[in-house]
């Protein structure tokens, strides 16, 4: 499983994330969080196989995307480091996450 971005950097300001679920049989989601630093440790709850979103600063999400479905998330980004991930059980651990650096 992967979560792919068309670019790993973006300029600060209004940004629209156009999300598409390429999976054939599984639902997915995309959660956007602002990190304190590029190497911030992610709060993985190993028993639930999910990140603990209460410990992260979520800027929004596109949830419950059925196979083949599309969704959008519009946010105002400030310079810094961000992570996008799917937090459905086991998906983060399977590699569904990507980093985004936002510049001036």
N, C-alpha and C. Protein backbone atom coordinates (compact mmCIF):
# COMPACT_ATOMS: atom_id res chain seq x y z
N UNK A 1 0.83 -1.18 0.00
CA UNK A 1 0.00 0.00 0.00
C UNK A 1 0.88 1.24 0.00
N UNK A 2 0.43 2.23 -0.72
CA UNK A 2 1.18 3.49 -0.75
C UNK A 2 0.23 4.67 -0.74
N UNK A 3 0.78 5.81 -0.40
CA UNK A 3 0.10 7.08 -0.54
C UNK A 3 1.09 7.94 -1.30
N UNK A 4 0.74 8.31 -2.51
CA UNK A 4 1.68 9.04 -3.37
C UNK A 4 1.22 10.48 -3.58
N UNK A 5 2.18 11.38 -3.49
CA UNK A 5 1.94 12.80 -3.79
C UNK A 5 2.51 13.10 -5.17
N UNK A 6 1.91 14.03 -5.90
CA UNK A 6 2.47 14.39 -7.20
C UNK A 6 3.66 15.33 -7.04
N UNK A 7 3.85 15.88 -5.84
CA UNK A 7 5.04 16.68 -5.54
C UNK A 7 5.29 16.62 -4.04
N UNK A 8 6.54 16.71 -3.62
CA UNK A 8 6.90 16.60 -2.20
C UNK A 8 7.10 17.96 -1.55
N UNK A 9 6.99 19.04 -2.34
CA UNK A 9 7.08 20.39 -1.80
C UNK A 9 5.95 21.23 -2.38
N UNK A 10 5.57 22.27 -1.63
CA UNK A 10 4.52 23.18 -2.08
C UNK A 10 4.80 24.56 -1.49
N UNK A 11 4.26 25.57 -2.13
CA UNK A 11 4.37 26.94 -1.62
C UNK A 11 3.26 27.16 -0.58
N UNK A 12 3.55 28.01 0.40
CA UNK A 12 2.56 28.35 1.42
C UNK A 12 1.37 29.04 0.77
N UNK A 13 0.21 28.88 1.39
CA UNK A 13 -1.00 29.52 0.89
C UNK A 13 -2.12 28.52 0.72
N UNK A 14 -3.18 28.96 0.05
CA UNK A 14 -4.33 28.09 -0.20
C UNK A 14 -3.90 26.92 -1.07
N UNK A 15 -4.23 25.72 -0.62
CA UNK A 15 -3.87 24.51 -1.34
C UNK A 15 -5.07 23.58 -1.38
N UNK A 16 -5.28 22.97 -2.54
CA UNK A 16 -6.35 21.99 -2.67
C UNK A 16 -5.70 20.63 -2.93
N UNK A 17 -6.01 19.67 -2.07
CA UNK A 17 -5.55 18.30 -2.27
C UNK A 17 -6.67 17.54 -2.98
N UNK A 18 -6.38 17.07 -4.18
CA UNK A 18 -7.32 16.25 -4.93
C UNK A 18 -6.92 14.80 -4.67
N UNK A 19 -7.78 14.06 -4.00
CA UNK A 19 -7.47 12.71 -3.54
C UNK A 19 -8.25 11.69 -4.35
N UNK A 20 -7.56 10.63 -4.78
CA UNK A 20 -8.21 9.55 -5.53
C UNK A 20 -7.82 8.22 -4.91
N UNK A 21 -8.78 7.35 -4.69
CA UNK A 21 -8.52 6.01 -4.17
C UNK A 21 -8.37 5.06 -5.34
N UNK A 22 -7.13 4.64 -5.59
CA UNK A 22 -6.84 3.71 -6.69
C UNK A 22 -7.14 2.26 -6.35
N UNK A 23 -7.45 1.97 -5.10
CA UNK A 23 -7.67 0.58 -4.69
C UNK A 23 -8.87 -0.03 -5.40
N UNK A 24 -8.82 -1.34 -5.55
CA UNK A 24 -9.91 -2.06 -6.20
C UNK A 24 -10.97 -2.52 -5.20
N UNK A 25 -10.55 -2.77 -3.93
CA UNK A 25 -11.49 -3.36 -2.98
C UNK A 25 -11.51 -2.70 -1.61
N UNK A 26 -10.58 -1.78 -1.32
CA UNK A 26 -10.48 -1.23 0.03
C UNK A 26 -10.81 0.26 0.09
N UNK A 27 -11.48 0.65 1.17
CA UNK A 27 -11.68 2.07 1.45
C UNK A 27 -10.38 2.65 2.00
N UNK A 28 -10.18 3.94 1.76
CA UNK A 28 -9.01 4.64 2.29
C UNK A 28 -9.44 6.03 2.73
N UNK A 29 -8.52 6.73 3.38
CA UNK A 29 -8.72 8.12 3.76
C UNK A 29 -7.38 8.83 3.65
N UNK A 30 -7.43 10.15 3.67
CA UNK A 30 -6.20 10.94 3.69
C UNK A 30 -6.34 11.97 4.79
N UNK A 31 -5.46 11.89 5.78
CA UNK A 31 -5.43 12.83 6.90
C UNK A 31 -4.20 13.71 6.71
N UNK A 32 -4.35 15.02 6.93
CA UNK A 32 -3.23 15.96 6.82
C UNK A 32 -2.92 16.50 8.20
N UNK A 33 -1.65 16.39 8.62
CA UNK A 33 -1.22 16.93 9.91
C UNK A 33 0.02 17.79 9.72
N UNK A 34 0.12 18.83 10.55
CA UNK A 34 1.31 19.68 10.59
C UNK A 34 2.23 19.10 11.65
N UNK A 35 3.49 18.92 11.28
CA UNK A 35 4.46 18.35 12.21
C UNK A 35 5.22 19.45 12.93
N UNK A 36 5.71 19.14 14.13
CA UNK A 36 6.55 20.07 14.87
C UNK A 36 7.94 20.15 14.25
N UNK A 37 8.39 19.03 13.67
CA UNK A 37 9.68 18.97 12.99
C UNK A 37 9.61 17.87 11.94
N UNK A 38 10.55 17.90 10.99
CA UNK A 38 10.54 16.91 9.91
C UNK A 38 10.73 15.49 10.43
N UNK A 39 11.40 15.35 11.57
CA UNK A 39 11.67 14.01 12.11
C UNK A 39 10.81 13.68 13.34
N UNK A 40 9.67 14.35 13.46
CA UNK A 40 8.78 14.10 14.60
C UNK A 40 8.37 12.64 14.64
N UNK A 41 8.44 12.03 15.83
CA UNK A 41 8.01 10.65 16.00
C UNK A 41 6.49 10.58 15.92
N UNK A 42 5.99 9.60 15.22
CA UNK A 42 4.55 9.44 15.07
C UNK A 42 4.00 8.59 16.21
N UNK A 43 2.87 9.03 16.82
CA UNK A 43 2.31 8.32 17.97
C UNK A 43 1.48 7.10 17.54
N UNK A 44 2.17 6.00 17.25
CA UNK A 44 1.51 4.79 16.78
C UNK A 44 0.95 4.00 17.96
N UNK A 45 -0.33 3.71 17.91
CA UNK A 45 -0.97 2.84 18.89
C UNK A 45 -0.88 1.43 18.31
N UNK A 46 0.09 0.66 18.77
CA UNK A 46 0.35 -0.67 18.18
C UNK A 46 -0.81 -1.63 18.38
N UNK A 47 -1.54 -1.49 19.47
CA UNK A 47 -2.67 -2.39 19.73
C UNK A 47 -3.80 -2.16 18.72
N UNK A 48 -4.00 -0.89 18.31
CA UNK A 48 -5.07 -0.56 17.37
C UNK A 48 -4.57 -0.45 15.93
N UNK A 49 -3.23 -0.51 15.74
CA UNK A 49 -2.62 -0.41 14.41
C UNK A 49 -3.04 0.88 13.70
N UNK A 50 -3.04 1.99 14.47
CA UNK A 50 -3.40 3.31 13.95
C UNK A 50 -2.57 4.36 14.66
N UNK A 51 -2.45 5.53 14.04
CA UNK A 51 -1.85 6.66 14.73
C UNK A 51 -2.89 7.25 15.68
N UNK A 52 -2.41 7.76 16.81
CA UNK A 52 -3.29 8.42 17.77
C UNK A 52 -3.48 9.87 17.30
N UNK A 53 -4.56 10.11 16.59
CA UNK A 53 -4.80 11.43 15.99
C UNK A 53 -4.97 12.53 17.04
N UNK A 54 -5.33 12.17 18.27
CA UNK A 54 -5.49 13.17 19.33
C UNK A 54 -4.17 13.83 19.69
N UNK A 55 -3.06 13.15 19.39
CA UNK A 55 -1.73 13.70 19.69
C UNK A 55 -1.14 14.48 18.52
N UNK A 56 -1.86 14.56 17.42
CA UNK A 56 -1.39 15.25 16.22
C UNK A 56 -2.29 16.45 15.92
N UNK A 57 -1.75 17.43 15.20
CA UNK A 57 -2.54 18.60 14.82
C UNK A 57 -3.11 18.37 13.41
N UNK A 58 -4.31 17.83 13.37
CA UNK A 58 -4.96 17.56 12.08
C UNK A 58 -5.48 18.85 11.48
N UNK A 59 -5.23 19.01 10.18
CA UNK A 59 -5.75 20.16 9.44
C UNK A 59 -6.97 19.78 8.62
N UNK A 60 -7.35 18.52 8.69
CA UNK A 60 -8.51 18.04 7.95
C UNK A 60 -8.24 16.70 7.32
N UNK A 61 -9.27 16.15 6.72
CA UNK A 61 -9.12 14.86 6.08
C UNK A 61 -10.19 14.65 5.01
N UNK A 62 -9.89 13.71 4.15
CA UNK A 62 -10.86 13.19 3.20
C UNK A 62 -11.09 11.76 3.67
N UNK A 63 -12.28 11.48 4.19
CA UNK A 63 -12.50 10.18 4.81
C UNK A 63 -13.43 9.29 4.00
N UNK A 64 -13.36 8.02 4.31
CA UNK A 64 -14.25 7.01 3.74
C UNK A 64 -14.32 7.03 2.22
N UNK A 65 -13.15 7.06 1.58
CA UNK A 65 -13.13 7.01 0.12
C UNK A 65 -13.28 5.56 -0.34
N UNK A 66 -14.36 5.28 -1.01
CA UNK A 66 -14.57 3.94 -1.55
C UNK A 66 -13.64 3.71 -2.74
N UNK A 67 -13.41 2.47 -3.13
CA UNK A 67 -12.56 2.20 -4.29
C UNK A 67 -12.98 3.00 -5.51
N UNK A 68 -12.02 3.68 -6.12
CA UNK A 68 -12.27 4.48 -7.31
C UNK A 68 -12.82 5.87 -7.04
N UNK A 69 -13.12 6.20 -5.79
CA UNK A 69 -13.73 7.49 -5.45
C UNK A 69 -12.71 8.62 -5.36
N UNK A 70 -13.21 9.85 -5.48
CA UNK A 70 -12.39 11.05 -5.38
C UNK A 70 -12.92 11.93 -4.25
N UNK A 71 -12.01 12.76 -3.72
CA UNK A 71 -12.39 13.74 -2.71
C UNK A 71 -11.41 14.89 -2.74
N UNK A 72 -11.75 15.99 -2.07
CA UNK A 72 -10.85 17.14 -2.02
C UNK A 72 -10.77 17.67 -0.60
N UNK A 73 -9.64 18.29 -0.31
CA UNK A 73 -9.43 18.98 0.95
C UNK A 73 -8.75 20.30 0.62
N UNK A 74 -9.37 21.40 1.04
CA UNK A 74 -8.81 22.73 0.81
C UNK A 74 -8.34 23.29 2.14
N UNK A 75 -7.06 23.68 2.19
CA UNK A 75 -6.47 24.21 3.43
C UNK A 75 -5.52 25.35 3.10
N UNK A 76 -5.25 26.17 4.11
CA UNK A 76 -4.24 27.21 3.98
C UNK A 76 -2.99 26.71 4.69
N UNK A 77 -1.94 26.47 3.92
CA UNK A 77 -0.70 25.94 4.48
C UNK A 77 0.27 27.06 4.81
N UNK A 78 0.97 26.90 5.93
CA UNK A 78 2.05 27.81 6.32
C UNK A 78 3.35 27.04 6.17
N UNK A 79 4.48 27.72 6.04
CA UNK A 79 5.75 27.01 5.89
C UNK A 79 5.96 26.01 7.04
N UNK A 80 6.52 24.87 6.68
CA UNK A 80 6.80 23.83 7.67
C UNK A 80 6.72 22.45 7.06
N UNK A 81 6.67 21.47 7.93
CA UNK A 81 6.63 20.07 7.53
C UNK A 81 5.28 19.46 7.84
N UNK A 82 4.79 18.66 6.91
CA UNK A 82 3.48 18.05 7.03
C UNK A 82 3.58 16.56 6.71
N UNK A 83 2.59 15.81 7.18
CA UNK A 83 2.47 14.41 6.80
C UNK A 83 1.04 14.16 6.38
N UNK A 84 0.90 13.36 5.34
CA UNK A 84 -0.40 12.89 4.88
C UNK A 84 -0.40 11.39 5.08
N UNK A 85 -1.50 10.84 5.59
CA UNK A 85 -1.52 9.40 5.85
C UNK A 85 -2.94 8.87 5.84
N UNK A 86 -3.04 7.56 5.67
CA UNK A 86 -4.30 6.85 5.81
C UNK A 86 -4.28 6.21 7.19
N UNK A 87 -5.31 6.49 7.99
CA UNK A 87 -5.31 5.98 9.35
C UNK A 87 -6.34 4.87 9.56
N UNK A 88 -6.72 4.21 8.48
CA UNK A 88 -7.54 3.01 8.62
C UNK A 88 -6.63 1.92 9.18
N UNK A 89 -7.17 1.07 10.02
CA UNK A 89 -6.39 0.06 10.75
C UNK A 89 -5.36 -0.64 9.86
N UNK A 90 -4.08 -0.47 10.25
CA UNK A 90 -2.97 -1.14 9.58
C UNK A 90 -2.43 -0.44 8.34
N UNK A 91 -3.12 0.55 7.82
CA UNK A 91 -2.70 1.16 6.57
C UNK A 91 -1.45 2.04 6.74
N UNK A 92 -1.35 2.81 7.84
CA UNK A 92 -0.13 3.60 8.08
C UNK A 92 1.07 2.66 8.18
N UNK A 93 0.92 1.58 8.93
CA UNK A 93 2.01 0.61 9.10
C UNK A 93 2.40 -0.04 7.77
N UNK A 94 1.44 -0.14 6.85
CA UNK A 94 1.70 -0.76 5.55
C UNK A 94 2.34 0.21 4.57
N UNK A 95 2.57 1.46 5.00
CA UNK A 95 3.28 2.41 4.15
C UNK A 95 2.44 3.51 3.55
N UNK A 96 1.21 3.66 4.00
CA UNK A 96 0.35 4.70 3.42
C UNK A 96 0.57 6.02 4.14
N UNK A 97 1.70 6.64 3.85
CA UNK A 97 2.02 7.96 4.39
C UNK A 97 3.05 8.63 3.49
N UNK A 98 3.03 9.96 3.49
CA UNK A 98 3.96 10.73 2.67
C UNK A 98 4.23 12.06 3.36
N UNK A 99 5.43 12.60 3.14
CA UNK A 99 5.82 13.88 3.72
C UNK A 99 5.67 14.99 2.69
N UNK A 100 5.35 16.17 3.20
CA UNK A 100 5.22 17.36 2.37
C UNK A 100 5.95 18.50 3.06
N UNK A 101 6.84 19.17 2.34
CA UNK A 101 7.53 20.36 2.85
C UNK A 101 6.90 21.58 2.21
N UNK A 102 6.53 22.55 3.04
CA UNK A 102 5.89 23.78 2.54
C UNK A 102 6.86 24.93 2.75
N UNK A 103 7.11 25.67 1.68
CA UNK A 103 8.05 26.79 1.70
C UNK A 103 7.34 28.12 1.55
N UNK A 104 8.06 29.22 1.78
CA UNK A 104 7.49 30.58 1.68
C UNK A 104 6.90 30.83 0.32
